[in-house]
N, C-alpha and C. Protein backbone atom coordinates (compact mmCIF):
# COMPACT_ATOMS: atom_id res chain seq x y z
N UNK A 1 9.19 7.09 3.92
CA UNK A 1 8.21 6.02 3.70
C UNK A 1 6.98 6.28 4.55
N UNK A 2 5.82 6.13 3.93
CA UNK A 2 4.57 6.28 4.67
C UNK A 2 3.89 4.93 4.78
N UNK A 3 3.37 4.63 5.96
CA UNK A 3 2.63 3.39 6.19
C UNK A 3 1.28 3.73 6.76
N UNK A 4 0.23 3.09 6.24
CA UNK A 4 -1.11 3.38 6.74
C UNK A 4 -1.47 2.54 7.95
N UNK A 5 -0.50 1.73 8.44
CA UNK A 5 -0.76 0.92 9.62
C UNK A 5 -1.23 -0.48 9.31
N UNK A 6 -1.54 -0.74 8.06
CA UNK A 6 -2.01 -2.08 7.68
C UNK A 6 -1.09 -2.71 6.65
N UNK A 7 0.16 -2.25 6.61
CA UNK A 7 1.15 -2.91 5.77
C UNK A 7 1.33 -2.34 4.39
N UNK A 8 0.56 -1.31 4.01
CA UNK A 8 0.71 -0.73 2.69
C UNK A 8 1.67 0.45 2.77
N UNK A 9 2.77 0.37 2.05
CA UNK A 9 3.82 1.37 2.14
C UNK A 9 4.02 2.06 0.80
N UNK A 10 4.43 3.28 0.86
CA UNK A 10 4.86 3.98 -0.35
C UNK A 10 6.13 4.75 0.00
N UNK A 11 7.19 4.50 -0.75
CA UNK A 11 8.47 5.14 -0.50
C UNK A 11 8.56 6.41 -1.33
N UNK A 12 8.74 7.52 -0.68
CA UNK A 12 8.84 8.80 -1.36
C UNK A 12 10.30 9.17 -1.63
N UNK A 13 11.11 9.06 -0.59
CA UNK A 13 12.53 9.40 -0.68
C UNK A 13 13.18 9.04 0.64
N UNK A 14 14.48 9.24 0.73
CA UNK A 14 15.19 8.98 1.97
C UNK A 14 14.88 10.10 2.97
N UNK A 15 14.59 9.71 4.20
CA UNK A 15 14.25 10.69 5.23
C UNK A 15 15.47 11.53 5.60
N UNK A 16 15.23 12.82 5.82
CA UNK A 16 16.34 13.68 6.24
C UNK A 16 16.43 13.67 7.77
N UNK A 17 17.48 14.22 8.35
CA UNK A 17 17.67 14.19 9.81
C UNK A 17 16.49 14.77 10.59
N UNK A 18 15.90 15.83 10.08
CA UNK A 18 14.77 16.45 10.78
C UNK A 18 13.57 15.51 10.81
N UNK A 19 13.32 14.82 9.71
CA UNK A 19 12.20 13.88 9.65
C UNK A 19 12.44 12.68 10.56
N UNK A 20 13.68 12.24 10.65
CA UNK A 20 14.00 11.13 11.54
C UNK A 20 13.76 11.53 12.99
N UNK A 21 14.16 12.75 13.33
CA UNK A 21 13.93 13.25 14.69
C UNK A 21 12.43 13.35 14.98
N UNK A 22 11.68 13.85 14.01
CA UNK A 22 10.23 13.98 14.18
C UNK A 22 9.57 12.62 14.34
N UNK A 23 10.06 11.65 13.58
CA UNK A 23 9.49 10.30 13.66
C UNK A 23 9.72 9.70 15.04
N UNK A 24 10.89 9.91 15.60
CA UNK A 24 11.19 9.41 16.94
C UNK A 24 10.26 10.05 17.97
N UNK A 25 10.04 11.35 17.82
CA UNK A 25 9.14 12.04 18.74
C UNK A 25 7.71 11.52 18.59
N UNK A 26 7.34 11.22 17.35
CA UNK A 26 5.99 10.69 17.11
C UNK A 26 5.78 9.35 17.80
N UNK A 27 6.83 8.52 17.84
CA UNK A 27 6.70 7.22 18.50
C UNK A 27 6.34 7.42 19.98
N UNK A 28 6.95 8.41 20.61
CA UNK A 28 6.65 8.69 22.02
C UNK A 28 5.23 9.23 22.17
N UNK A 29 4.83 10.10 21.24
CA UNK A 29 3.48 10.66 21.28
C UNK A 29 2.43 9.56 21.07
N UNK A 30 2.75 8.62 20.21
CA UNK A 30 1.82 7.51 19.94
C UNK A 30 1.58 6.68 21.19
N UNK A 31 2.64 6.45 21.97
CA UNK A 31 2.49 5.67 23.20
C UNK A 31 1.57 6.38 24.19
N UNK A 32 1.75 7.69 24.33
CA UNK A 32 0.90 8.46 25.24
C UNK A 32 -0.54 8.47 24.76
N UNK A 33 -0.72 8.67 23.44
CA UNK A 33 -2.07 8.70 22.88
C UNK A 33 -2.75 7.35 23.03
N UNK A 34 -2.00 6.29 22.84
CA UNK A 34 -2.55 4.94 22.99
C UNK A 34 -3.04 4.73 24.42
N UNK A 35 -2.21 5.11 25.38
CA UNK A 35 -2.57 4.94 26.80
C UNK A 35 -3.82 5.74 27.15
N UNK A 36 -3.88 6.98 26.68
CA UNK A 36 -5.04 7.83 26.97
C UNK A 36 -6.32 7.23 26.39
N UNK A 37 -6.25 6.83 25.13
CA UNK A 37 -7.42 6.26 24.46
C UNK A 37 -7.84 4.95 25.11
N UNK A 38 -6.87 4.10 25.43
CA UNK A 38 -7.16 2.81 26.06
C UNK A 38 -7.87 3.01 27.39
N UNK A 39 -7.41 3.98 28.18
CA UNK A 39 -8.01 4.23 29.49
C UNK A 39 -9.44 4.75 29.36
N UNK A 40 -9.67 5.61 28.37
CA UNK A 40 -11.03 6.14 28.17
C UNK A 40 -11.97 5.01 27.75
N UNK A 41 -11.51 4.15 26.86
CA UNK A 41 -12.33 3.02 26.40
C UNK A 41 -12.71 2.14 27.59
N UNK A 42 -11.74 1.91 28.47
CA UNK A 42 -12.00 1.07 29.65
C UNK A 42 -12.97 1.76 30.61
N UNK A 43 -12.76 3.06 30.85
CA UNK A 43 -13.63 3.80 31.77
C UNK A 43 -15.06 3.87 31.26
N UNK A 44 -15.21 4.04 29.97
CA UNK A 44 -16.55 4.15 29.38
C UNK A 44 -17.15 2.79 29.04
N UNK A 45 -16.37 1.73 29.26
CA UNK A 45 -16.81 0.36 28.97
C UNK A 45 -17.32 0.22 27.54
N UNK A 46 -16.54 0.73 26.62
CA UNK A 46 -16.90 0.66 25.21
C UNK A 46 -16.56 -0.72 24.65
N UNK A 47 -17.42 -1.24 23.79
CA UNK A 47 -17.25 -2.58 23.23
C UNK A 47 -16.29 -2.54 22.05
N UNK A 48 -15.04 -2.21 22.33
CA UNK A 48 -14.02 -2.14 21.30
C UNK A 48 -12.65 -2.37 21.94
N UNK A 49 -11.69 -2.79 21.13
CA UNK A 49 -10.35 -3.04 21.66
C UNK A 49 -9.34 -2.26 20.82
N UNK A 50 -8.61 -1.40 21.47
CA UNK A 50 -7.61 -0.59 20.77
C UNK A 50 -6.42 -1.46 20.39
N UNK A 51 -5.98 -1.34 19.14
CA UNK A 51 -4.87 -2.16 18.64
C UNK A 51 -3.59 -1.34 18.52
N UNK A 52 -3.70 -0.18 17.92
CA UNK A 52 -2.49 0.61 17.66
C UNK A 52 -2.86 2.06 17.42
N UNK A 53 -1.91 2.95 17.72
CA UNK A 53 -2.06 4.37 17.42
C UNK A 53 -0.92 4.79 16.52
N UNK A 54 -1.23 5.58 15.51
CA UNK A 54 -0.20 6.03 14.58
C UNK A 54 -0.36 7.51 14.28
N UNK A 55 0.73 8.25 14.43
CA UNK A 55 0.76 9.67 14.07
C UNK A 55 1.34 9.80 12.66
N UNK A 56 0.73 10.64 11.84
CA UNK A 56 1.34 10.95 10.56
C UNK A 56 2.60 11.77 10.82
N UNK A 57 3.54 11.68 9.91
CA UNK A 57 4.83 12.33 10.12
C UNK A 57 4.69 13.82 10.40
N UNK A 58 3.78 14.48 9.69
CA UNK A 58 3.61 15.92 9.89
C UNK A 58 2.68 16.26 11.05
N UNK A 59 2.22 15.23 11.76
CA UNK A 59 1.34 15.38 12.92
C UNK A 59 0.04 16.09 12.57
N UNK A 60 -0.40 15.88 11.36
CA UNK A 60 -1.68 16.46 10.95
C UNK A 60 -2.85 15.60 11.40
N UNK A 61 -2.55 14.36 11.76
CA UNK A 61 -3.63 13.45 12.16
C UNK A 61 -3.06 12.28 12.95
N UNK A 62 -3.88 11.79 13.88
CA UNK A 62 -3.54 10.57 14.63
C UNK A 62 -4.60 9.52 14.29
N UNK A 63 -4.15 8.34 13.93
CA UNK A 63 -5.06 7.26 13.56
C UNK A 63 -5.08 6.22 14.67
N UNK A 64 -6.27 5.86 15.11
CA UNK A 64 -6.44 4.85 16.15
C UNK A 64 -7.09 3.61 15.52
N UNK A 65 -6.35 2.52 15.50
CA UNK A 65 -6.85 1.27 14.93
C UNK A 65 -7.48 0.44 16.05
N UNK A 66 -8.67 -0.09 15.79
CA UNK A 66 -9.35 -0.87 16.82
C UNK A 66 -10.15 -2.00 16.20
N UNK A 67 -10.47 -2.99 17.02
CA UNK A 67 -11.34 -4.08 16.60
C UNK A 67 -12.61 -4.05 17.44
N UNK A 68 -13.68 -4.51 16.85
CA UNK A 68 -14.97 -4.57 17.56
C UNK A 68 -15.87 -5.54 16.83
N UNK A 69 -16.70 -6.24 17.59
CA UNK A 69 -17.59 -7.22 16.98
C UNK A 69 -18.75 -6.54 16.25
N UNK A 70 -19.13 -5.37 16.73
CA UNK A 70 -20.24 -4.64 16.12
C UNK A 70 -19.82 -3.21 15.83
N UNK A 71 -20.68 -2.49 15.17
CA UNK A 71 -20.43 -1.09 14.87
C UNK A 71 -20.41 -0.30 16.17
N UNK A 72 -19.45 0.59 16.31
CA UNK A 72 -19.27 1.36 17.54
C UNK A 72 -19.48 2.85 17.27
N UNK A 73 -20.24 3.49 18.15
CA UNK A 73 -20.42 4.94 18.06
C UNK A 73 -19.29 5.58 18.86
N UNK A 74 -18.28 6.08 18.15
CA UNK A 74 -17.11 6.64 18.83
C UNK A 74 -17.01 8.16 18.66
N UNK A 75 -18.12 8.80 18.33
CA UNK A 75 -18.08 10.25 18.09
C UNK A 75 -17.64 11.03 19.32
N UNK A 76 -18.16 10.67 20.48
CA UNK A 76 -17.78 11.38 21.70
C UNK A 76 -16.32 11.09 22.04
N UNK A 77 -15.87 9.88 21.78
CA UNK A 77 -14.47 9.52 22.02
C UNK A 77 -13.56 10.37 21.15
N UNK A 78 -13.93 10.57 19.90
CA UNK A 78 -13.13 11.39 18.99
C UNK A 78 -13.04 12.82 19.50
N UNK A 79 -14.16 13.36 19.98
CA UNK A 79 -14.16 14.73 20.49
C UNK A 79 -13.24 14.88 21.70
N UNK A 80 -13.30 13.92 22.60
CA UNK A 80 -12.47 13.98 23.81
C UNK A 80 -10.99 13.84 23.45
N UNK A 81 -10.68 12.92 22.57
CA UNK A 81 -9.28 12.73 22.17
C UNK A 81 -8.73 13.96 21.45
N UNK A 82 -9.53 14.53 20.57
CA UNK A 82 -9.09 15.72 19.83
C UNK A 82 -8.80 16.88 20.78
N UNK A 83 -9.62 17.00 21.81
CA UNK A 83 -9.44 18.09 22.78
C UNK A 83 -8.19 17.86 23.62
N UNK A 84 -7.97 16.62 24.05
CA UNK A 84 -6.83 16.32 24.92
C UNK A 84 -5.51 16.29 24.16
N UNK A 85 -5.53 15.77 22.95
CA UNK A 85 -4.29 15.60 22.19
C UNK A 85 -4.01 16.75 21.24
N UNK A 86 -5.01 17.59 21.01
CA UNK A 86 -4.85 18.74 20.12
C UNK A 86 -4.38 18.32 18.73
N UNK A 87 -5.08 17.35 18.19
CA UNK A 87 -4.75 16.84 16.86
C UNK A 87 -6.01 16.25 16.24
N UNK A 88 -6.06 16.22 14.92
CA UNK A 88 -7.21 15.62 14.24
C UNK A 88 -7.19 14.11 14.46
N UNK A 89 -8.34 13.54 14.74
CA UNK A 89 -8.44 12.12 15.10
C UNK A 89 -9.19 11.33 14.03
N UNK A 90 -8.66 10.16 13.73
CA UNK A 90 -9.37 9.21 12.86
C UNK A 90 -9.43 7.87 13.56
N UNK A 91 -10.63 7.33 13.70
CA UNK A 91 -10.81 5.99 14.26
C UNK A 91 -11.01 5.03 13.10
N UNK A 92 -10.21 3.97 13.06
CA UNK A 92 -10.27 3.03 11.94
C UNK A 92 -10.48 1.61 12.45
N UNK A 93 -11.65 1.05 12.14
CA UNK A 93 -11.95 -0.32 12.57
C UNK A 93 -11.33 -1.31 11.60
N UNK A 94 -10.65 -2.32 12.14
CA UNK A 94 -9.98 -3.32 11.31
C UNK A 94 -10.45 -4.71 11.73
N UNK A 95 -10.21 -5.68 10.86
CA UNK A 95 -10.59 -7.06 11.14
C UNK A 95 -9.51 -7.79 11.92
N UNK A 96 -9.82 -9.04 12.27
CA UNK A 96 -8.90 -9.81 13.10
C UNK A 96 -7.61 -10.14 12.34
N UNK A 97 -7.69 -10.33 11.03
CA UNK A 97 -6.48 -10.60 10.25
C UNK A 97 -5.63 -9.34 10.12
N UNK A 98 -6.31 -8.20 9.98
CA UNK A 98 -5.58 -6.93 9.93
C UNK A 98 -4.89 -6.64 11.26
N UNK A 99 -5.52 -7.07 12.35
CA UNK A 99 -4.91 -6.86 13.66
C UNK A 99 -3.57 -7.59 13.76
N UNK A 100 -3.54 -8.83 13.29
CA UNK A 100 -2.28 -9.58 13.29
C UNK A 100 -1.25 -8.91 12.40
N UNK A 101 -1.72 -8.34 11.29
CA UNK A 101 -0.82 -7.65 10.36
C UNK A 101 -0.21 -6.41 11.00
N UNK A 102 -1.03 -5.69 11.76
CA UNK A 102 -0.55 -4.46 12.41
C UNK A 102 0.41 -4.77 13.55
N UNK A 103 0.05 -5.75 14.38
CA UNK A 103 0.85 -6.06 15.57
C UNK A 103 2.08 -6.90 15.25
N UNK A 104 1.98 -7.76 14.22
CA UNK A 104 3.10 -8.63 13.88
C UNK A 104 3.22 -9.78 14.86
N UNK A 105 4.17 -10.65 14.62
CA UNK A 105 4.37 -11.80 15.48
C UNK A 105 5.13 -12.89 14.75
N UNK A 106 5.20 -14.06 15.38
CA UNK A 106 5.92 -15.20 14.80
C UNK A 106 4.94 -16.33 14.57
N UNK A 107 4.94 -16.88 13.36
CA UNK A 107 4.03 -17.96 13.01
C UNK A 107 4.55 -19.31 13.46
N UNK A 108 3.76 -20.38 13.27
CA UNK A 108 4.18 -21.73 13.67
C UNK A 108 5.42 -22.21 12.93
N UNK A 109 5.75 -21.55 11.81
CA UNK A 109 6.95 -21.92 11.04
C UNK A 109 8.21 -21.33 11.66
N UNK A 110 8.04 -20.43 12.64
CA UNK A 110 9.19 -19.79 13.25
C UNK A 110 9.60 -18.50 12.58
N UNK A 111 8.88 -18.12 11.53
CA UNK A 111 9.18 -16.88 10.81
C UNK A 111 8.16 -15.80 11.18
N UNK A 112 8.52 -14.54 10.89
CA UNK A 112 7.60 -13.44 11.13
C UNK A 112 6.36 -13.61 10.27
N UNK A 113 5.22 -13.12 10.76
CA UNK A 113 3.97 -13.23 10.02
C UNK A 113 4.15 -12.73 8.58
N UNK A 114 3.66 -13.51 7.63
CA UNK A 114 3.71 -13.08 6.22
C UNK A 114 2.96 -11.76 6.04
N UNK A 115 1.82 -11.64 6.72
CA UNK A 115 0.98 -10.46 6.54
C UNK A 115 1.65 -9.18 7.02
N UNK A 116 2.57 -9.30 7.97
CA UNK A 116 3.23 -8.11 8.50
C UNK A 116 4.58 -7.85 7.84
N UNK A 117 4.96 -8.71 6.88
CA UNK A 117 6.24 -8.52 6.21
C UNK A 117 6.11 -8.24 4.72
N UNK A 118 5.38 -9.10 3.99
CA UNK A 118 5.35 -8.89 2.54
C UNK A 118 3.97 -8.98 1.89
N UNK A 119 2.99 -9.57 2.56
CA UNK A 119 1.67 -9.70 1.95
C UNK A 119 1.00 -8.34 1.81
N UNK A 120 0.43 -8.08 0.65
CA UNK A 120 -0.28 -6.83 0.41
C UNK A 120 -1.79 -6.99 0.59
N UNK A 121 -2.30 -8.17 0.26
CA UNK A 121 -3.73 -8.42 0.37
C UNK A 121 -3.96 -9.81 0.95
N UNK A 122 -5.13 -10.00 1.55
CA UNK A 122 -5.49 -11.29 2.10
C UNK A 122 -6.30 -12.08 1.08
N UNK A 123 -5.81 -13.26 0.74
CA UNK A 123 -6.54 -14.13 -0.18
C UNK A 123 -7.51 -15.00 0.62
N UNK A 124 -8.63 -15.37 0.03
CA UNK A 124 -9.57 -16.26 0.74
C UNK A 124 -8.94 -17.64 0.94
N UNK A 125 -9.05 -18.17 2.16
CA UNK A 125 -8.48 -19.47 2.51
C UNK A 125 -9.60 -20.38 2.98
N UNK A 126 -9.55 -21.65 2.59
CA UNK A 126 -10.57 -22.61 3.01
C UNK A 126 -9.92 -23.90 3.49
N UNK A 127 -10.69 -24.68 4.25
CA UNK A 127 -10.21 -25.98 4.73
C UNK A 127 -9.93 -26.91 3.55
N UNK A 128 -10.67 -26.71 2.47
CA UNK A 128 -10.47 -27.53 1.27
C UNK A 128 -9.03 -27.42 0.78
N UNK A 129 -8.45 -26.24 0.89
CA UNK A 129 -7.06 -26.05 0.45
C UNK A 129 -6.11 -26.92 1.26
N UNK A 130 -6.37 -26.99 2.57
CA UNK A 130 -5.52 -27.82 3.43
C UNK A 130 -5.69 -29.30 3.08
N UNK A 131 -6.93 -29.72 2.86
CA UNK A 131 -7.19 -31.13 2.53
C UNK A 131 -6.49 -31.54 1.25
N UNK A 132 -6.58 -30.70 0.22
CA UNK A 132 -6.02 -31.06 -1.07
C UNK A 132 -4.50 -31.01 -1.09
N UNK A 133 -3.90 -30.44 -0.03
CA UNK A 133 -2.44 -30.42 0.07
C UNK A 133 -1.94 -31.44 1.10
N UNK A 134 -2.85 -32.33 1.51
CA UNK A 134 -2.51 -33.39 2.47
C UNK A 134 -1.99 -32.84 3.79
N UNK A 135 -2.52 -31.70 4.19
CA UNK A 135 -2.14 -31.11 5.47
C UNK A 135 -3.03 -31.69 6.57
N UNK A 136 -2.42 -32.07 7.69
CA UNK A 136 -3.19 -32.61 8.81
C UNK A 136 -4.14 -31.53 9.33
N UNK A 137 -5.42 -31.87 9.43
CA UNK A 137 -6.43 -30.88 9.82
C UNK A 137 -6.49 -30.70 11.33
N UNK A 138 -5.38 -30.26 11.87
CA UNK A 138 -5.29 -29.94 13.30
C UNK A 138 -5.36 -28.42 13.43
N UNK A 139 -6.41 -27.89 14.09
CA UNK A 139 -6.57 -26.43 14.18
C UNK A 139 -5.33 -25.69 14.65
N UNK A 140 -4.57 -26.29 15.56
CA UNK A 140 -3.37 -25.62 16.06
C UNK A 140 -2.25 -25.59 15.02
N UNK A 141 -2.35 -26.49 14.03
CA UNK A 141 -1.31 -26.57 13.01
C UNK A 141 -1.63 -25.72 11.78
N UNK A 142 -2.90 -25.52 11.51
CA UNK A 142 -3.27 -24.81 10.28
C UNK A 142 -3.83 -23.42 10.54
N UNK A 143 -3.74 -22.96 11.80
CA UNK A 143 -4.24 -21.63 12.14
C UNK A 143 -3.07 -20.69 12.43
N UNK A 144 -3.23 -19.44 12.01
CA UNK A 144 -2.20 -18.44 12.25
C UNK A 144 -2.41 -17.72 13.57
N UNK A 145 -1.61 -16.69 13.78
CA UNK A 145 -1.70 -15.92 15.02
C UNK A 145 -3.03 -15.20 15.18
N UNK A 146 -3.73 -14.99 14.07
CA UNK A 146 -5.03 -14.32 14.11
C UNK A 146 -6.15 -15.29 14.45
N UNK A 147 -5.84 -16.59 14.47
CA UNK A 147 -6.86 -17.59 14.73
C UNK A 147 -7.55 -18.09 13.48
N UNK A 148 -7.25 -17.48 12.34
CA UNK A 148 -7.81 -17.91 11.07
C UNK A 148 -6.85 -18.87 10.37
N UNK A 149 -7.31 -19.48 9.28
CA UNK A 149 -6.47 -20.41 8.54
C UNK A 149 -5.22 -19.70 8.02
N UNK A 150 -4.11 -20.43 8.01
CA UNK A 150 -2.83 -19.87 7.57
C UNK A 150 -2.89 -19.33 6.15
N UNK A 151 -2.37 -18.14 5.96
CA UNK A 151 -2.34 -17.54 4.62
C UNK A 151 -1.49 -18.37 3.66
N UNK A 152 -0.46 -19.04 4.19
CA UNK A 152 0.45 -19.79 3.33
C UNK A 152 -0.21 -21.01 2.69
N UNK A 153 -1.40 -21.39 3.16
CA UNK A 153 -2.11 -22.49 2.51
C UNK A 153 -2.49 -22.13 1.08
N UNK A 154 -2.45 -20.85 0.78
CA UNK A 154 -2.82 -20.39 -0.56
C UNK A 154 -1.63 -20.39 -1.53
N UNK A 155 -0.42 -20.33 -0.99
CA UNK A 155 0.76 -20.11 -1.83
C UNK A 155 0.95 -21.18 -2.91
N UNK A 156 0.84 -22.45 -2.53
CA UNK A 156 1.11 -23.53 -3.47
C UNK A 156 -0.16 -24.26 -3.90
N UNK A 157 -1.30 -23.72 -3.53
CA UNK A 157 -2.56 -24.40 -3.82
C UNK A 157 -2.77 -24.61 -5.32
N UNK A 158 -2.44 -23.61 -6.10
CA UNK A 158 -2.62 -23.73 -7.55
C UNK A 158 -1.77 -24.85 -8.13
N UNK A 159 -0.54 -24.98 -7.61
CA UNK A 159 0.35 -26.05 -8.09
C UNK A 159 -0.20 -27.43 -7.71
N UNK A 160 -0.78 -27.54 -6.51
CA UNK A 160 -1.38 -28.81 -6.11
C UNK A 160 -2.58 -29.14 -6.98
N UNK A 161 -3.36 -28.12 -7.35
CA UNK A 161 -4.50 -28.36 -8.22
C UNK A 161 -4.05 -28.87 -9.58
N UNK A 162 -2.97 -28.27 -10.09
CA UNK A 162 -2.43 -28.72 -11.38
C UNK A 162 -1.92 -30.15 -11.27
N UNK A 163 -1.26 -30.46 -10.14
CA UNK A 163 -0.68 -31.79 -9.97
C UNK A 163 -1.75 -32.87 -9.85
N UNK A 164 -2.92 -32.51 -9.32
CA UNK A 164 -3.98 -33.50 -9.11
C UNK A 164 -5.02 -33.49 -10.23
N UNK A 165 -4.83 -32.63 -11.21
CA UNK A 165 -5.81 -32.54 -12.29
C UNK A 165 -5.96 -33.89 -13.00
N UNK A 166 -7.19 -34.38 -13.06
CA UNK A 166 -7.47 -35.64 -13.73
C UNK A 166 -7.18 -36.87 -12.91
N UNK A 167 -6.75 -36.68 -11.67
CA UNK A 167 -6.44 -37.82 -10.80
C UNK A 167 -7.57 -38.05 -9.80
N UNK A 168 -7.81 -39.31 -9.41
CA UNK A 168 -8.84 -39.59 -8.40
C UNK A 168 -8.40 -39.07 -7.03
N UNK A 169 -9.34 -38.59 -6.26
CA UNK A 169 -9.02 -38.07 -4.94
C UNK A 169 -8.80 -39.23 -3.96
N UNK A 170 -8.17 -38.91 -2.84
CA UNK A 170 -7.93 -39.92 -1.81
C UNK A 170 -9.26 -40.52 -1.37
N UNK A 171 -9.30 -41.86 -1.27
CA UNK A 171 -10.52 -42.55 -0.88
C UNK A 171 -11.32 -43.08 -2.06
N UNK A 172 -10.99 -42.61 -3.27
CA UNK A 172 -11.70 -43.06 -4.46
C UNK A 172 -11.13 -44.40 -4.95
N UNK A 173 -12.00 -45.19 -5.60
CA UNK A 173 -11.56 -46.48 -6.13
C UNK A 173 -10.97 -46.32 -7.52
N UNK A 174 -9.96 -47.13 -7.80
CA UNK A 174 -9.33 -47.14 -9.12
C UNK A 174 -9.10 -48.60 -9.54
N UNK A 175 -9.22 -48.84 -10.84
CA UNK A 175 -8.99 -50.18 -11.38
C UNK A 175 -7.61 -50.23 -12.02
N UNK A 176 -6.80 -51.16 -11.53
CA UNK A 176 -5.44 -51.33 -12.04
C UNK A 176 -5.23 -52.80 -12.43
N UNK A 177 -4.18 -53.10 -13.16
CA UNK A 177 -3.90 -54.50 -13.51
C UNK A 177 -3.77 -55.39 -12.27
N UNK A 178 -3.30 -54.81 -11.17
CA UNK A 178 -3.12 -55.58 -9.94
C UNK A 178 -4.44 -55.81 -9.20
N UNK A 179 -5.48 -55.08 -9.59
CA UNK A 179 -6.77 -55.20 -8.94
C UNK A 179 -7.39 -53.84 -8.67
N UNK A 180 -8.59 -53.85 -8.09
CA UNK A 180 -9.28 -52.60 -7.75
C UNK A 180 -8.92 -52.20 -6.33
N UNK A 181 -8.51 -50.97 -6.18
CA UNK A 181 -8.12 -50.50 -4.86
C UNK A 181 -8.56 -49.08 -4.61
N UNK A 182 -8.23 -48.58 -3.43
CA UNK A 182 -8.57 -47.21 -3.04
C UNK A 182 -7.30 -46.37 -2.92
N UNK A 183 -7.40 -45.16 -3.41
CA UNK A 183 -6.27 -44.24 -3.29
C UNK A 183 -6.12 -43.86 -1.81
N UNK A 184 -4.93 -44.13 -1.27
CA UNK A 184 -4.69 -43.80 0.13
C UNK A 184 -4.18 -42.37 0.27
N UNK A 185 -3.08 -42.07 -0.43
CA UNK A 185 -2.49 -40.74 -0.30
C UNK A 185 -1.56 -40.45 -1.47
N UNK A 186 -1.33 -39.17 -1.68
CA UNK A 186 -0.38 -38.71 -2.69
C UNK A 186 0.83 -38.10 -2.00
N UNK A 187 1.99 -38.30 -2.59
CA UNK A 187 3.21 -37.62 -2.14
C UNK A 187 3.71 -36.82 -3.34
N UNK A 188 3.31 -35.56 -3.39
CA UNK A 188 3.61 -34.77 -4.58
C UNK A 188 5.07 -34.35 -4.65
N UNK A 189 5.75 -34.37 -3.50
CA UNK A 189 7.18 -34.05 -3.53
C UNK A 189 7.96 -35.18 -4.19
N UNK A 190 7.52 -36.41 -3.93
CA UNK A 190 8.17 -37.58 -4.54
C UNK A 190 7.52 -37.95 -5.87
N UNK A 191 6.34 -37.38 -6.14
CA UNK A 191 5.64 -37.69 -7.37
C UNK A 191 5.05 -39.08 -7.37
N UNK A 192 4.60 -39.55 -6.18
CA UNK A 192 4.07 -40.91 -6.07
C UNK A 192 2.66 -40.91 -5.47
N UNK A 193 2.00 -42.03 -5.63
CA UNK A 193 0.68 -42.24 -5.06
C UNK A 193 0.65 -43.64 -4.45
N UNK A 194 -0.01 -43.80 -3.32
CA UNK A 194 -0.14 -45.10 -2.67
C UNK A 194 -1.59 -45.55 -2.74
N UNK A 195 -1.79 -46.77 -3.22
CA UNK A 195 -3.13 -47.33 -3.41
C UNK A 195 -3.23 -48.64 -2.63
N UNK A 196 -4.30 -48.77 -1.84
CA UNK A 196 -4.54 -50.00 -1.08
C UNK A 196 -5.37 -50.96 -1.93
N UNK A 197 -4.79 -52.12 -2.23
CA UNK A 197 -5.48 -53.13 -3.04
C UNK A 197 -5.70 -54.37 -2.19
N UNK A 198 -6.96 -54.75 -1.94
CA UNK A 198 -7.25 -55.95 -1.13
C UNK A 198 -6.54 -57.19 -1.69
N UNK A 199 -5.89 -57.92 -0.80
CA UNK A 199 -5.18 -59.13 -1.20
C UNK A 199 -3.82 -58.86 -1.80
N UNK A 200 -3.51 -57.60 -1.99
CA UNK A 200 -2.22 -57.24 -2.57
C UNK A 200 -1.41 -56.35 -1.63
N UNK A 201 -2.15 -55.56 -0.84
CA UNK A 201 -1.47 -54.64 0.07
C UNK A 201 -1.29 -53.28 -0.57
N UNK A 202 -0.60 -52.38 0.10
CA UNK A 202 -0.38 -51.04 -0.45
C UNK A 202 0.56 -51.08 -1.65
N UNK A 203 0.16 -50.38 -2.69
CA UNK A 203 0.96 -50.30 -3.91
C UNK A 203 1.36 -48.84 -4.12
N UNK A 204 2.66 -48.59 -4.18
CA UNK A 204 3.15 -47.24 -4.43
C UNK A 204 3.68 -47.16 -5.85
N UNK A 205 3.19 -46.18 -6.58
CA UNK A 205 3.59 -46.02 -7.97
C UNK A 205 3.72 -44.53 -8.28
N UNK A 206 4.31 -44.22 -9.40
CA UNK A 206 4.46 -42.81 -9.76
C UNK A 206 3.11 -42.26 -10.22
N UNK A 207 2.92 -40.98 -10.01
CA UNK A 207 1.68 -40.32 -10.42
C UNK A 207 1.53 -40.40 -11.93
N UNK A 208 2.63 -40.29 -12.65
CA UNK A 208 2.58 -40.35 -14.12
C UNK A 208 2.10 -41.73 -14.58
N UNK A 209 2.57 -42.80 -13.90
CA UNK A 209 2.13 -44.15 -14.27
C UNK A 209 0.63 -44.31 -14.02
N UNK A 210 0.15 -43.73 -12.92
CA UNK A 210 -1.28 -43.81 -12.63
C UNK A 210 -2.09 -43.10 -13.71
N UNK A 211 -1.61 -41.96 -14.14
CA UNK A 211 -2.31 -41.23 -15.20
C UNK A 211 -2.41 -42.09 -16.47
N UNK A 212 -1.31 -42.73 -16.81
CA UNK A 212 -1.28 -43.55 -18.02
C UNK A 212 -2.26 -44.72 -17.93
N UNK A 213 -2.32 -45.34 -16.75
CA UNK A 213 -3.18 -46.51 -16.59
C UNK A 213 -4.66 -46.14 -16.52
N UNK A 214 -4.94 -44.89 -16.20
CA UNK A 214 -6.33 -44.46 -16.11
C UNK A 214 -6.87 -43.94 -17.43
N UNK A 215 -6.00 -43.82 -18.43
CA UNK A 215 -6.45 -43.32 -19.73
C UNK A 215 -7.36 -44.33 -20.42
């Protein structure tokens, strides 16, 4: 199996004993290469942060993954690393979400990061997705290890959109036989909606009943 360091894998065949031995040796070489590169970056005070080092199985190239706020001129760094490590060098700048994918970790759900286990691509995530799923807008609750909005906010968003299609949003007024009230909240798991009606109090009814009464 080959991995480019950002979660994209391609399985060629089962590794033979020699390849397994080589892979183990590469892990040790990667640690040394990481330390060397990290120390040079610190000594030269370069505006970049090294994330990971990866050797290709055949040791034809070493890839150094890093993050930086701006474009970095690393040509001299590449020359020094190539001379010290005696291998072809590739510097690959990645984003903050890719960094979490490379390093891995545990999310607020207690499970391993989705991006480092099964996600192949990052979908665009917005606060609107959290709002429409009745998620509490607490940054510590809706942010992942990368500091960005949780990728899982995208998983069921389409289903929530379908469930709310044609329905008034929370805070909107609706006219019912019991009176005019405001939609307080939806409970899509129970299939209900709660509406505050002055002089009547909160009224909880099924979403299907609300649809019928709004026709």
